[in-house]
Amino acid sequence: MPIGPIALFDKSFIQSLSADEAVWFDHFFLSNICPIFYVETLADLSKELKEGRTAEHLVSTIADKTPEIHGSPCVHHSELCEASLFGYDVPLTGQIPLAGGRPVQTGDHRGVVFVRSPEAQAFHRWQQQRFDLVERDFASNWRTALSQTNLKNSANRLEAIGCPSSPCKSLDLAAQVARSTVDNLENTHLKISYLTALLGLKNKQREEALSLWRRAGCRPLRTHAPYAAHVLEIEIFFQLALTSSLISADRPSNRVDIAYLYYLPFAHFLVSSDKLHRSSTQAIAGADRFVWGPDLKRDLQAINLAFQATTPQERESGLSVIAPHPPDTGESLVIELWDKFTPAWRRIKEVSTGASGASNSALARSIQELPNAPTATGREAIEIMRDPPSVSIERHVRAQRGSWWQLPKSVTEKKRSG
């Protein structure tokens, strides 16, 4: 399988892609499907569209282009932030936090099995324009709540954590002030209280979080709870930008757009066609962590055209056979991103695996056995979850998508006949 970078994407980017471009994006990148994307997509069910178009068709089209082979739903940032405040390790090293893992062991093989998430199951339904009543109610309620969101009390919110609310002349300066405010040891107890309120935690939980911080030696928030510090930094940045009129307070959806930045630690870059995402991500994380959606779309379009030269018989072998890595033909944004974030691909590309058919068959059997293996318990379960030897993720994958066979045609025919 490809070993490309982890991409965090928004709805604007996925909507911009053709069906074939979406296939290549899914093939060449590991995708962080963050909860904000699901919410934004579902909310389109209550949109008023021009005559001849339906909201159901719009949502199903987005769902149809969403990564399904190499896309993984990320745990909601509020859960991760709460875990961080209460002393749990939330790695900020690029991997995507997944929910619902089950430690298993069968013979000599151990690993963690993730069943298909509720979000992934919902997207499968949406591809077929099947929507439950609860989803329609959610979409309507979410749009109503968004229309009632008031972004104009930023100064009061900043004063609550001891942050200067004086206007900033640029988003870069707002990002610097936000970072220094979080890293300043002063008023850390107010920052923790602010975060617990932001998460909707009860007073008892707030006191527990503060007590844990005091027992740990009253360290700076960035040291005590790194991911919680990241969330607070994004929040302060947003409030400063509102106060300084660098981000409009008259557009409630800006609150949703900025929430994508909560997930930056779990991806190599954010790709979006939204100007607010571009300016905010570059201010918070640097230019290297943002990819302009139209640029990547253009490159995926070129890749799609390049592989049009393959024969129908070659395509039937599946994408992993005809395109184990991006085509290295001149200037390519995809190649540039692979070289920047996963440079080992060139070395791996040159090394022959030398794996025999028998070893491949044995590996395939062990992978197939893991989901049905008994759940590990006790110390074994703890060791497996701490450092999983293997991970199995259940997915719904279409063998053929757009103009391409994502999986070998022979696999599909064998499954039908078997």
Protein backbone atom coordinates (compact mmCIF):
# COMPACT_ATOMS: atom_id res chain seq x y z
CA MET A 1 0.00 0.00 0.00
CA PRO A 2 1.16 3.61 -0.50
CA ILE A 3 3.13 5.16 2.34
CA GLY A 4 2.13 8.75 1.71
CA PRO A 5 1.67 11.61 4.19
CA ILE A 6 -1.33 12.10 6.46
CA ALA A 7 -3.68 14.72 5.04
CA LEU A 8 -6.32 16.61 7.00
CA PHE A 9 -8.93 17.88 4.56
CA ASP A 10 -12.11 19.94 4.69
CA LYS A 11 -15.40 19.80 2.82
CA SER A 12 -14.42 22.50 0.33
CA PHE A 13 -11.53 20.37 -0.96
CA ILE A 14 -13.48 17.12 -1.29
CA GLN A 15 -16.34 18.91 -3.07
CA SER A 16 -13.88 20.35 -5.60
CA LEU A 17 -12.61 16.93 -6.73
CA SER A 18 -13.96 14.84 -9.57
CA ALA A 19 -14.74 11.19 -8.82
CA ASP A 20 -11.43 10.04 -10.33
CA GLU A 21 -9.39 12.74 -8.60
CA ALA A 22 -10.93 11.61 -5.29
CA VAL A 23 -9.77 8.06 -6.00
CA TRP A 24 -6.15 9.21 -6.47
CA PHE A 25 -6.29 11.40 -3.37
CA ASP A 26 -7.47 8.38 -1.37
CA HIS A 27 -4.76 6.21 -2.93
CA PHE A 28 -1.75 8.46 -2.38
CA PHE A 29 -2.56 9.94 1.06
CA LEU A 30 -3.58 8.66 4.47
CA SER A 31 -6.54 10.85 5.39
CA ASN A 32 -7.58 12.17 8.78
CA ILE A 33 -11.38 12.36 8.54
CA CYS A 34 -12.09 14.73 11.40
CA PRO A 35 -15.54 15.00 13.06
CA ILE A 36 -15.98 18.58 11.84
CA PHE A 37 -16.06 17.28 8.27
CA TYR A 38 -18.85 14.84 9.14
CA VAL A 39 -20.85 17.58 10.85
CA GLU A 40 -20.41 20.03 7.97
CA THR A 41 -21.45 17.41 5.43
CA LEU A 42 -24.47 16.27 7.39
CA ALA A 43 -25.58 19.86 7.93
CA ASP A 44 -26.00 20.19 4.15
CA LEU A 45 -29.16 18.09 4.48
CA SER A 46 -30.98 21.23 5.59
CA LYS A 47 -29.59 23.44 2.85
CA GLU A 48 -31.91 25.22 0.45
CA LEU A 49 -30.68 24.46 -3.07
CA LYS A 50 -31.56 25.66 -6.53
CA GLU A 51 -34.41 23.95 -8.31
CA GLY A 52 -33.41 20.63 -9.82
CA ARG A 53 -30.92 19.78 -7.06
CA THR A 54 -31.61 18.07 -3.75
CA ALA A 55 -29.74 18.23 -0.45
CA GLU A 56 -29.72 14.43 -0.36
CA HIS A 57 -27.90 14.30 -3.69
CA LEU A 58 -25.38 16.91 -2.50
CA VAL A 59 -24.54 14.96 0.66
CA SER A 60 -24.35 11.63 -1.18
CA THR A 61 -21.96 13.17 -3.71
CA ILE A 62 -19.63 14.37 -0.92
CA ALA A 63 -19.86 10.98 0.80
CA ASP A 64 -19.09 9.24 -2.49
CA LYS A 65 -15.81 11.16 -2.85
CA THR A 66 -14.69 10.78 0.78
CA PRO A 67 -11.59 8.56 1.28
CA GLU A 68 -12.61 4.99 2.07
CA ILE A 69 -9.43 2.91 1.71
CA HIS A 70 -6.88 5.09 3.48
CA GLY A 71 -9.20 7.38 5.44
CA SER A 72 -9.57 7.04 9.21
CA PRO A 73 -12.12 8.84 11.42
CA CYS A 74 -10.36 10.79 14.16
CA VAL A 75 -11.57 10.91 17.76
CA HIS A 76 -13.39 14.19 18.55
CA HIS A 77 -11.09 16.93 19.83
CA SER A 78 -13.22 17.48 22.95
CA GLU A 79 -12.62 13.88 24.06
CA LEU A 80 -8.91 14.18 23.36
CA CYS A 81 -8.68 17.53 25.16
CA GLU A 82 -10.46 16.13 28.21
CA ALA A 83 -8.17 13.09 28.22
CA SER A 84 -5.16 15.41 28.03
CA LEU A 85 -6.36 17.48 30.99
CA PHE A 86 -6.81 14.34 33.07
CA GLY A 87 -3.31 13.01 32.51
CA TYR A 88 -3.74 10.66 29.55
CA ASP A 89 -1.13 10.73 26.82
CA VAL A 90 -2.41 12.17 23.53
CA PRO A 91 0.52 11.75 21.09
CA LEU A 92 1.21 14.83 18.98
CA THR A 93 3.50 13.01 16.55
CA GLY A 94 1.21 12.88 13.53
CA GLN A 95 -0.70 9.64 13.98
CA ILE A 96 -4.51 9.66 13.83
CA PRO A 97 -6.21 8.84 17.18
CA LEU A 98 -8.80 6.12 16.57
CA ALA A 99 -11.64 5.06 18.86
CA GLY A 100 -12.91 1.63 19.77
CA GLY A 101 -9.78 -0.50 19.42
CA ARG A 102 -9.98 -4.08 20.74
CA PRO A 103 -6.75 -5.91 21.72
CA VAL A 104 -6.73 -9.48 20.34
CA GLN A 105 -4.44 -12.46 20.23
CA THR A 106 -4.55 -15.60 18.10
CA GLY A 107 -1.62 -17.98 18.23
CA ASP A 108 1.56 -15.98 17.81
CA HIS A 109 -0.26 -13.04 16.25
CA ARG A 110 -1.34 -10.08 18.35
CA GLY A 111 -2.86 -6.78 17.40
CA VAL A 112 -5.63 -4.24 17.73
CA VAL A 113 -8.87 -4.53 15.76
CA PHE A 114 -10.99 -1.49 14.90
CA VAL A 115 -14.51 -2.18 13.65
CA ARG A 116 -16.14 0.20 11.22
CA SER A 117 -16.93 3.44 13.03
CA PRO A 118 -20.49 4.80 13.24
CA GLU A 119 -19.34 7.70 11.04
CA ALA A 120 -18.03 5.35 8.35
CA GLN A 121 -21.26 3.35 8.46
CA ALA A 122 -23.26 6.56 8.12
CA PHE A 123 -21.22 7.68 5.12
CA HIS A 124 -21.87 4.33 3.45
CA ARG A 125 -25.61 4.97 3.85
CA TRP A 126 -25.28 8.53 2.60
CA GLN A 127 -23.56 7.32 -0.58
CA GLN A 128 -26.84 5.54 -1.33
CA GLN A 129 -28.94 8.59 -0.33
CA ARG A 130 -30.28 6.77 2.72
CA PHE A 131 -30.79 9.17 5.62
CA ASP A 132 -32.32 8.49 9.02
CA LEU A 133 -34.75 10.90 10.64
CA VAL A 134 -32.24 11.60 13.42
CA GLU A 135 -29.77 12.83 10.82
CA ARG A 136 -32.28 15.21 9.28
CA ASP A 137 -33.18 16.56 12.74
CA PHE A 138 -29.50 16.99 13.57
CA ALA A 139 -28.88 18.91 10.34
CA SER A 140 -31.78 21.26 11.01
CA ASN A 141 -30.85 21.83 14.66
CA TRP A 142 -27.19 22.38 13.82
CA ARG A 143 -27.94 25.08 11.26
CA THR A 144 -30.34 26.76 13.71
CA ALA A 145 -27.71 26.73 16.47
CA LEU A 146 -25.10 28.09 14.07
CA SER A 147 -27.34 30.98 13.06
CA GLN A 148 -27.70 31.91 16.75
CA THR A 149 -23.97 31.77 17.51
CA ASN A 150 -22.60 35.06 18.82
CA LEU A 151 -18.92 35.66 18.14
CA LYS A 152 -18.84 39.23 19.46
CA ASN A 153 -17.92 38.68 23.11
CA SER A 154 -14.28 37.87 22.46
CA ALA A 155 -12.78 40.51 24.77
CA ASN A 156 -14.62 39.09 27.80
CA ARG A 157 -13.46 35.57 26.93
CA LEU A 158 -9.84 36.66 26.68
CA GLU A 159 -9.93 38.58 29.97
CA ALA A 160 -11.20 35.44 31.69
CA ILE A 161 -7.80 33.78 31.16
CA GLY A 162 -5.61 36.82 31.66
CA CYS A 163 -4.87 37.35 27.97
CA PRO A 164 -4.39 40.92 26.67
CA SER A 165 -7.31 41.76 24.41
CA SER A 166 -5.63 44.67 22.61
CA PRO A 167 -5.98 44.45 18.82
CA CYS A 168 -3.37 42.59 16.77
CA LYS A 169 -2.26 43.93 13.40
CA SER A 170 -1.96 40.52 11.76
CA LEU A 171 -2.88 36.85 12.17
CA ASP A 172 0.82 36.09 12.65
CA LEU A 173 0.90 38.42 15.66
CA ALA A 174 -2.34 36.92 17.00
CA ALA A 175 -0.74 33.47 16.77
CA GLN A 176 2.37 34.70 18.64
CA VAL A 177 0.26 36.23 21.44
CA ALA A 178 -1.83 33.07 21.71
CA ARG A 179 1.28 30.90 21.94
CA SER A 180 2.96 33.08 24.57
CA THR A 181 -0.25 33.26 26.61
CA VAL A 182 -0.51 29.48 26.73
CA ASP A 183 3.17 29.05 27.59
CA ASN A 184 3.10 31.64 30.36
CA LEU A 185 2.86 29.86 33.72
CA GLU A 186 0.83 32.74 35.16
CA ASN A 187 -2.94 32.11 35.37
CA THR A 188 -2.60 28.43 34.39
CA HIS A 189 -5.42 27.61 36.80
CA LEU A 190 -7.66 30.06 34.92
CA LYS A 191 -6.71 28.46 31.62
CA ILE A 192 -7.62 25.00 32.90
CA SER A 193 -10.93 26.34 34.22
CA TYR A 194 -11.57 28.00 30.87
CA LEU A 195 -10.94 24.73 29.02
CA THR A 196 -13.23 22.74 31.30
CA ALA A 197 -15.98 25.29 30.67
CA LEU A 198 -15.31 25.11 26.92
CA LEU A 199 -15.69 21.32 27.10
CA GLY A 200 -18.90 21.60 29.12
CA LEU A 201 -17.47 19.76 32.12
CA LYS A 202 -19.10 20.00 35.53
CA ASN A 203 -17.63 21.85 38.51
CA LYS A 204 -16.52 18.59 40.12
CA GLN A 205 -14.55 17.65 37.00
CA ARG A 206 -13.00 21.12 36.89
CA GLU A 207 -11.81 20.73 40.48
CA GLU A 208 -10.41 17.29 39.67
CA ALA A 209 -8.48 18.70 36.71
CA LEU A 210 -7.09 21.53 38.83
CA SER A 211 -6.18 19.14 41.63
CA LEU A 212 -4.32 16.90 39.18
CA TRP A 213 -2.38 19.91 37.89
CA ARG A 214 -1.41 20.99 41.43
CA ARG A 215 -0.30 17.46 42.40
CA ALA A 216 1.87 17.38 39.26
CA GLY A 217 3.72 20.48 40.48
CA CYS A 218 1.77 23.34 38.85
CA ARG A 219 3.67 22.99 35.61
CA PRO A 220 3.02 25.10 32.48
CA LEU A 221 0.01 23.86 30.57
CA ARG A 222 2.10 22.90 27.52
CA THR A 223 4.10 20.52 29.72
CA HIS A 224 1.21 19.28 31.83
CA ALA A 225 -1.36 18.68 29.07
CA PRO A 226 0.17 19.25 25.62
CA TYR A 227 -2.93 18.63 23.50
CA ALA A 228 -5.14 20.72 25.80
CA ALA A 229 -2.57 23.50 25.38
CA HIS A 230 -2.89 23.20 21.60
CA VAL A 231 -6.68 23.50 21.78
CA LEU A 232 -6.40 26.56 24.03
CA GLU A 233 -3.86 28.14 21.67
CA ILE A 234 -6.30 27.78 18.74
CA GLU A 235 -9.13 29.19 20.86
CA ILE A 236 -7.13 32.24 22.01
CA PHE A 237 -5.90 32.82 18.45
CA PHE A 238 -9.49 32.78 17.19
CA GLN A 239 -10.75 35.14 19.88
CA LEU A 240 -7.86 37.57 19.28
CA ALA A 241 -8.51 37.49 15.54
CA LEU A 242 -12.19 38.30 16.16
CA THR A 243 -11.34 41.14 18.53
CA SER A 244 -8.87 42.54 15.99
CA SER A 245 -11.35 42.22 13.09
CA LEU A 246 -8.92 39.90 11.33
CA ILE A 247 -11.68 37.27 11.19
CA SER A 248 -15.27 38.36 10.74
CA ALA A 249 -17.52 38.07 13.79
CA ASP A 250 -20.55 38.36 11.50
CA ARG A 251 -20.08 34.90 10.01
CA PRO A 252 -20.85 32.18 12.62
CA SER A 253 -19.53 29.44 10.33
CA ASN A 254 -16.02 30.79 10.99
CA ARG A 255 -16.24 29.02 14.36
CA VAL A 256 -16.68 25.72 12.51
CA ASP A 257 -13.91 26.46 10.01
CA ILE A 258 -11.38 27.27 12.73
CA ALA A 259 -12.18 23.97 14.53
CA TYR A 260 -10.31 22.06 11.82
CA LEU A 261 -7.11 23.49 13.30
CA TYR A 262 -7.69 21.46 16.47
CA TYR A 263 -6.69 18.41 14.40
CA LEU A 264 -3.40 19.73 12.97
CA PRO A 265 -1.27 17.64 15.41
CA PHE A 266 -2.77 14.51 13.84
CA ALA A 267 -1.76 15.20 10.23
CA HIS A 268 1.19 16.37 8.20
CA PHE A 269 -0.82 19.14 6.55
CA LEU A 270 -4.28 20.59 6.03
CA VAL A 271 -5.55 20.80 2.45
CA SER A 272 -8.41 23.21 1.84
CA SER A 273 -9.87 25.61 -0.71
CA ASP A 274 -10.91 27.98 2.08
CA LYS A 275 -8.98 31.26 2.46
CA LEU A 276 -9.55 31.39 6.23
CA HIS A 277 -7.98 27.95 6.54
CA ARG A 278 -5.00 29.06 4.48
CA SER A 279 -4.26 32.24 6.45
CA SER A 280 -4.98 30.71 9.89
CA THR A 281 -3.02 27.49 9.37
CA GLN A 282 -0.01 29.36 8.03
CA ALA A 283 -0.08 31.71 11.05
CA ILE A 284 -0.46 28.90 13.59
CA ALA A 285 1.68 26.15 12.08
CA GLY A 286 3.67 27.63 9.19
CA ALA A 287 3.34 27.58 5.41
CA ASP A 288 4.61 23.99 5.17
CA ARG A 289 1.55 22.69 7.02
CA PHE A 290 -0.97 24.02 4.51
CA VAL A 291 -1.73 22.94 0.94
CA TRP A 292 -3.97 25.04 -1.27
CA GLY A 293 -6.81 22.83 -2.52
CA PRO A 294 -6.85 23.97 -6.17
CA ASP A 295 -3.11 23.21 -6.44
CA LEU A 296 -3.50 19.63 -5.22
CA LYS A 297 -6.62 19.13 -7.36
CA ARG A 298 -4.64 20.21 -10.43
CA ASP A 299 -1.91 17.69 -9.64
CA LEU A 300 -4.39 14.86 -9.04
CA GLN A 301 -5.98 15.71 -12.36
CA ALA A 302 -2.58 15.39 -14.07
CA ILE A 303 -1.97 12.03 -12.36
CA ASN A 304 -5.35 10.79 -13.50
CA LEU A 305 -4.52 11.78 -17.08
CA ALA A 306 -1.08 10.14 -16.88
CA PHE A 307 -2.56 6.78 -15.92
CA GLN A 308 -5.16 6.95 -18.68
CA ALA A 309 -2.44 5.40 -20.84
CA THR A 310 -2.79 2.09 -18.97
CA THR A 311 -4.77 -0.65 -20.67
CA PRO A 312 -8.09 -1.98 -19.30
CA GLN A 313 -6.29 -5.24 -18.45
CA GLU A 314 -3.63 -3.39 -16.46
CA ARG A 315 -6.26 -1.42 -14.57
CA GLU A 316 -7.98 -4.62 -13.50
CA SER A 317 -4.91 -5.48 -11.39
CA GLY A 318 -5.81 -2.62 -9.00
CA LEU A 319 -4.22 0.69 -8.06
CA SER A 320 -1.56 -0.80 -5.79
CA VAL A 321 -0.12 -2.69 -8.77
CA ILE A 322 -0.27 0.01 -11.44
CA ALA A 323 0.58 2.87 -9.05
CA PRO A 324 2.52 1.70 -5.96
CA HIS A 325 3.85 5.27 -5.73
CA PRO A 326 3.13 8.57 -7.49
CA PRO A 327 4.49 8.94 -11.02
CA ASP A 328 7.80 10.77 -10.79
CA THR A 329 7.51 12.81 -13.97
CA GLY A 330 8.79 16.35 -13.61
CA GLU A 331 7.20 18.81 -11.20
CA SER A 332 4.53 17.23 -9.00
CA LEU A 333 2.96 18.53 -5.81
CA VAL A 334 2.14 14.98 -4.72
CA ILE A 335 5.81 13.96 -5.12
CA GLU A 336 6.85 17.13 -3.28
CA LEU A 337 4.58 16.28 -0.33
CA TRP A 338 5.80 12.67 -0.24
CA ASP A 339 9.43 13.83 -0.25
CA LYS A 340 8.78 16.44 2.44
CA PHE A 341 6.79 14.34 4.90
CA THR A 342 7.57 10.67 4.09
CA PRO A 343 10.98 10.74 2.36
CA ALA A 344 11.65 7.06 3.11
CA TRP A 345 9.36 6.12 0.21
CA ARG A 346 12.21 6.51 -2.29
CA ARG A 347 14.44 4.11 -0.36
CA ILE A 348 11.62 1.60 0.10
CA LYS A 349 10.75 1.93 -3.60
CA GLU A 350 14.24 0.73 -4.54
CA VAL A 351 14.31 -2.24 -2.17
CA SER A 352 12.84 -5.49 -3.42
CA THR A 353 10.80 -7.23 -0.74
CA GLY A 354 11.66 -10.71 -1.96
CA ALA A 355 8.61 -12.05 -0.17
CA SER A 356 7.46 -15.43 -1.35
CA GLY A 357 3.90 -16.31 -2.26
CA ALA A 358 3.76 -18.60 0.77
CA SER A 359 4.78 -15.84 3.19
CA ASN A 360 2.27 -13.46 1.63
CA SER A 361 -0.46 -16.09 2.01
CA ALA A 362 0.47 -16.65 5.64
CA LEU A 363 0.33 -12.90 6.29
CA ALA A 364 -3.06 -12.67 4.57
CA ARG A 365 -4.42 -15.51 6.71
CA SER A 366 -3.23 -13.89 9.95
CA ILE A 367 -4.84 -10.58 8.95
CA GLN A 368 -8.13 -12.33 8.20
CA GLU A 369 -8.02 -14.19 11.52
CA LEU A 370 -7.42 -11.13 13.73
CA PRO A 371 -10.98 -9.64 13.64
CA ASN A 372 -12.44 -12.91 14.93
CA ALA A 373 -9.70 -13.57 17.48
CA PRO A 374 -10.56 -13.57 21.21
CA THR A 375 -10.09 -10.34 23.14
CA ALA A 376 -6.85 -10.17 25.09
CA THR A 377 -7.10 -9.32 28.79
CA GLY A 378 -4.94 -8.23 31.70
CA ARG A 379 -1.29 -7.40 31.17
CA GLU A 380 -1.32 -8.76 27.60
CA ALA A 381 -4.08 -6.33 26.62
CA ILE A 382 -2.18 -3.39 28.13
CA GLU A 383 1.01 -4.34 26.26
CA ILE A 384 -0.81 -4.75 22.95
CA MET A 385 -2.60 -1.41 23.27
CA ARG A 386 0.63 0.37 24.28
CA ASP A 387 2.55 -0.87 21.22
CA PRO A 388 0.34 -2.83 18.77
CA PRO A 389 2.33 -5.34 16.66
CA SER A 390 -0.39 -5.00 14.02
CA VAL A 391 -3.61 -3.07 13.43
CA SER A 392 -6.69 -4.27 11.59
CA ILE A 393 -9.27 -1.66 10.51
CA GLU A 394 -12.63 -2.79 9.15
CA ARG A 395 -13.72 -0.78 6.10
CA HIS A 396 -16.37 -0.77 3.42
CA VAL A 397 -14.39 -0.52 0.19
CA ARG A 398 -15.77 -0.57 -3.33
CA ALA A 399 -13.61 -2.63 -5.66
CA GLN A 400 -14.35 -0.26 -8.54
CA ARG A 401 -14.71 3.47 -8.05
CA GLY A 402 -14.90 6.08 -10.76
CA SER A 403 -12.84 4.86 -13.71
CA TRP A 404 -10.51 2.76 -11.56
CA TRP A 405 -10.26 -0.62 -9.89
CA GLN A 406 -9.23 0.17 -6.32
CA LEU A 407 -8.86 -3.55 -5.64
CA PRO A 408 -7.90 -6.25 -8.16
CA LYS A 409 -10.84 -7.37 -10.27
CA SER A 410 -9.83 -10.97 -9.60
CA VAL A 411 -10.43 -10.49 -5.87
CA THR A 412 -14.00 -9.34 -6.54
CA GLU A 413 -14.69 -12.25 -8.91
CA LYS A 414 -13.21 -14.75 -6.46
CA LYS A 415 -15.41 -13.38 -3.68
CA ARG A 416 -18.53 -13.68 -5.85
CA SER A 417 -17.72 -17.24 -6.88
CA GLY A 418 -16.61 -18.29 -3.38
